[in-house]
Amino acid sequence: MESNTFTYFYLDDQNMIQAVFISNQAKNALPVRRMIKNQTLVDPNNLADDNLSLKKIQRSLA
C-alpha cells in the first residue's frame, strides 16, 4: 500500500461510521456512503483488514 493511499474511519461508541477521510481510494467512496446513509454498525477489525474490500463488508451488512 502506498503511504498516500488510505481510508480513515471515525466511529462512534457503538461502532457506527460518523465520518471518513479517503485518500486515493475512490473505490471506497460508494460503499462508505451507503454504510453512513444506512447508519450501519461495523466491526472495526473488518475495517482494518486490508484483505476485505469495503464493498464486500458493506454488502455483508446490508
Protein backbone atom coordinates (compact mmCIF):
# COMPACT_ATOMS: atom_id res chain seq x y z
CA MET A 1 0.00 0.00 0.00
CA GLU A 2 1.32 3.40 -0.89
CA SER A 3 1.76 5.79 2.02
CA ASN A 4 -0.59 8.34 0.44
CA THR A 5 -3.36 5.78 -0.12
CA PHE A 6 -5.63 5.21 2.87
CA THR A 7 -9.12 5.38 4.32
CA TYR A 8 -9.59 6.65 7.89
CA PHE A 9 -12.81 5.95 9.74
CA TYR A 10 -14.30 7.88 12.62
CA LEU A 11 -16.65 5.64 14.60
CA ASP A 12 -18.92 6.50 17.49
CA ASP A 13 -19.04 4.43 20.69
CA GLN A 14 -21.47 1.98 19.03
CA ASN A 15 -19.17 1.43 16.02
CA MET A 16 -21.32 3.42 13.64
CA ILE A 17 -19.37 5.31 10.99
CA GLN A 18 -19.61 9.04 11.62
CA ALA A 19 -17.05 10.30 9.12
CA VAL A 20 -14.45 9.03 6.70
CA PHE A 21 -11.35 10.50 5.12
CA ILE A 22 -10.45 8.77 1.85
CA SER A 23 -7.15 9.48 0.11
CA ASN A 24 -6.56 8.00 -3.35
CA GLN A 25 -9.04 5.15 -2.90
CA ALA A 26 -12.05 6.25 -4.92
CA LYS A 27 -13.40 2.68 -4.95
CA ASN A 28 -14.18 3.08 -1.23
CA ALA A 29 -16.45 6.09 -1.65
CA LEU A 30 -19.68 4.36 -2.66
CA PRO A 31 -19.68 1.55 -0.07
CA VAL A 32 -18.77 4.04 2.66
CA ARG A 33 -21.55 6.44 1.61
CA ARG A 34 -24.04 3.57 1.77
CA MET A 35 -22.85 2.49 5.22
CA ILE A 36 -23.14 6.05 6.54
CA LYS A 37 -26.56 6.58 4.95
CA ASN A 38 -27.87 3.29 6.40
CA GLN A 39 -26.28 4.00 9.80
CA THR A 40 -24.57 0.63 9.66
CA LEU A 41 -22.83 -0.76 12.73
CA VAL A 42 -19.45 -2.12 11.70
CA ASP A 43 -16.73 -4.27 13.18
CA PRO A 44 -13.59 -2.10 13.45
CA ASN A 45 -11.46 -5.20 12.89
CA ASN A 46 -13.09 -5.73 9.50
CA LEU A 47 -12.42 -2.12 8.54
CA ALA A 48 -8.76 -2.55 9.49
CA ASP A 49 -8.37 -5.76 7.45
CA ASP A 50 -6.70 -4.93 4.13
CA ASN A 51 -7.82 -8.31 2.78
CA LEU A 52 -11.51 -7.32 2.99
CA SER A 53 -12.88 -4.84 0.50
CA LEU A 54 -15.27 -2.21 1.81
CA LYS A 55 -17.70 -3.24 -0.91
CA LYS A 56 -17.71 -6.79 0.49
CA ILE A 57 -18.14 -5.52 4.06
CA GLN A 58 -20.97 -3.19 3.03
CA ARG A 59 -22.80 -5.98 1.17
CA SER A 60 -22.48 -8.40 4.08
CA LEU A 61 -24.09 -5.83 6.41
CA ALA A 62 -26.91 -4.76 4.08
